[in-house]
């Protein structure tokens, strides 16, 4: 299984959202387990799981 790991800045660009919104949502636990995780002070996101989550929420 391949993983493409994105940082908060890359996710914000991909979703066309403000970086602070992405960080606040991650801090608040709004993303399901497996979509993101914290490495030190930085949030990292699994692109495939993030896209699955977004498209399942929109449908």
C-alpha atoms as a PDB file:
ATOM      1  CA  UNK A   1       0.000   0.000   0.000  1.00  0.00           C
ATOM      2  CA  UNK A   2       1.415   3.396  -0.896  1.00  0.00           C
ATOM      3  CA  UNK A   3       1.056   6.488   1.224  1.00  0.00           C
ATOM      4  CA  UNK A   4       1.418  10.050   0.173  1.00  0.00           C
ATOM      5  CA  UNK A   5       2.023  12.160   3.238  1.00  0.00           C
ATOM      6  CA  UNK A   6       1.127  15.847   3.105  1.00  0.00           C
ATOM      7  CA  UNK A   7       1.865  18.607   5.563  1.00  0.00           C
ATOM      8  CA  UNK A   8      -0.679  21.209   6.645  1.00  0.00           C
ATOM      9  CA  UNK A   9       0.410  23.734   4.019  1.00  0.00           C
ATOM     10  CA  UNK A  10       0.004  21.176   1.208  1.00  0.00           C
ATOM     11  CA  UNK A  11      -3.445  20.147   2.488  1.00  0.00           C
ATOM     12  CA  UNK A  12      -4.546  23.782   2.661  1.00  0.00           C
ATOM     13  CA  UNK A  13      -3.440  24.306  -0.941  1.00  0.00           C
ATOM     14  CA  UNK A  14      -5.112  21.072  -2.094  1.00  0.00           C
ATOM     15  CA  UNK A  15      -8.429  21.944  -0.395  1.00  0.00           C
ATOM     16  CA  UNK A  16      -8.184  25.673  -1.109  1.00  0.00           C
ATOM     17  CA  UNK A  17      -8.653  26.387   2.581  1.00  0.00           C
ATOM     18  CA  UNK A  18      -6.826  28.531   5.094  1.00  0.00           C
ATOM     19  CA  UNK A  19      -3.943  26.744   6.797  1.00  0.00           C
ATOM     20  CA  UNK A  20      -5.230  27.811  10.237  1.00  0.00           C
ATOM     21  CA  UNK A  21      -8.600  26.168   9.501  1.00  0.00           C
ATOM     22  CA  UNK A  22      -6.865  22.883   8.686  1.00  0.00           C
ATOM     23  CA  UNK A  23      -4.801  23.114  11.885  1.00  0.00           C
ATOM     24  CA  UNK A  24      -7.824  23.986  14.063  1.00  0.00           C
ATOM     25  CA  UNK A  25      -9.850  21.106  12.628  1.00  0.00           C
ATOM     26  CA  UNK A  26      -6.990  18.691  13.257  1.00  0.00           C
ATOM     27  CA  UNK A  27      -6.504  19.994  16.815  1.00  0.00           C
ATOM     28  CA  UNK A  28     -10.251  19.632  17.457  1.00  0.00           C
ATOM     29  CA  UNK A  29     -10.216  16.020  16.216  1.00  0.00           C
ATOM     30  CA  UNK A  30     -12.579  16.656  13.299  1.00  0.00           C
ATOM     31  CA  UNK A  31     -10.714  14.270  11.001  1.00  0.00           C
ATOM     32  CA  UNK A  32     -11.199  10.518  11.533  1.00  0.00           C
ATOM     33  CA  UNK A  33      -8.416   8.261  12.742  1.00  0.00           C
ATOM     34  CA  UNK A  34      -5.927   7.465  10.008  1.00  0.00           C
ATOM     35  CA  UNK A  35      -6.403  10.741   8.128  1.00  0.00           C
ATOM     36  CA  UNK A  36      -3.916  12.779  10.127  1.00  0.00           C
ATOM     37  CA  UNK A  37      -1.479  12.556  12.965  1.00  0.00           C
ATOM     38  CA  UNK A  38       0.863  14.817  14.801  1.00  0.00           C
ATOM     39  CA  UNK A  39       4.624  14.509  14.471  1.00  0.00           C
ATOM     40  CA  UNK A  40       6.136  16.837  17.045  1.00  0.00           C
ATOM     41  CA  UNK A  41       4.408  20.177  16.470  1.00  0.00           C
ATOM     42  CA  UNK A  42       3.420  19.394  12.878  1.00  0.00           C
ATOM     43  CA  UNK A  43       0.288  17.745  11.518  1.00  0.00           C
ATOM     44  CA  UNK A  44       0.801  15.201   8.732  1.00  0.00           C
ATOM     45  CA  UNK A  45      -2.007  13.905   6.528  1.00  0.00           C
ATOM     46  CA  UNK A  46      -2.492  10.734   4.498  1.00  0.00           C
ATOM     47  CA  UNK A  47      -3.669  12.099   1.129  1.00  0.00           C
ATOM     48  CA  UNK A  48      -5.614   8.981   0.118  1.00  0.00           C
ATOM     49  CA  UNK A  49      -7.520   8.738   3.408  1.00  0.00           C
ATOM     50  CA  UNK A  50      -8.126  12.494   3.430  1.00  0.00           C
ATOM     51  CA  UNK A  51      -9.660  12.395  -0.050  1.00  0.00           C
ATOM     52  CA  UNK A  52     -11.798   9.359   0.881  1.00  0.00           C
ATOM     53  CA  UNK A  53     -13.051  11.225   3.957  1.00  0.00           C
ATOM     54  CA  UNK A  54     -13.838  14.395   2.016  1.00  0.00           C
ATOM     55  CA  UNK A  55     -15.650  12.637  -0.821  1.00  0.00           C
ATOM     56  CA  UNK A  56     -17.629  10.405   1.573  1.00  0.00           C
ATOM     57  CA  UNK A  57     -18.712  13.487   3.555  1.00  0.00           C
ATOM     58  CA  UNK A  58     -19.829  15.323   0.398  1.00  0.00           C
ATOM     59  CA  UNK A  59     -21.894  12.486  -1.047  1.00  0.00           C
END
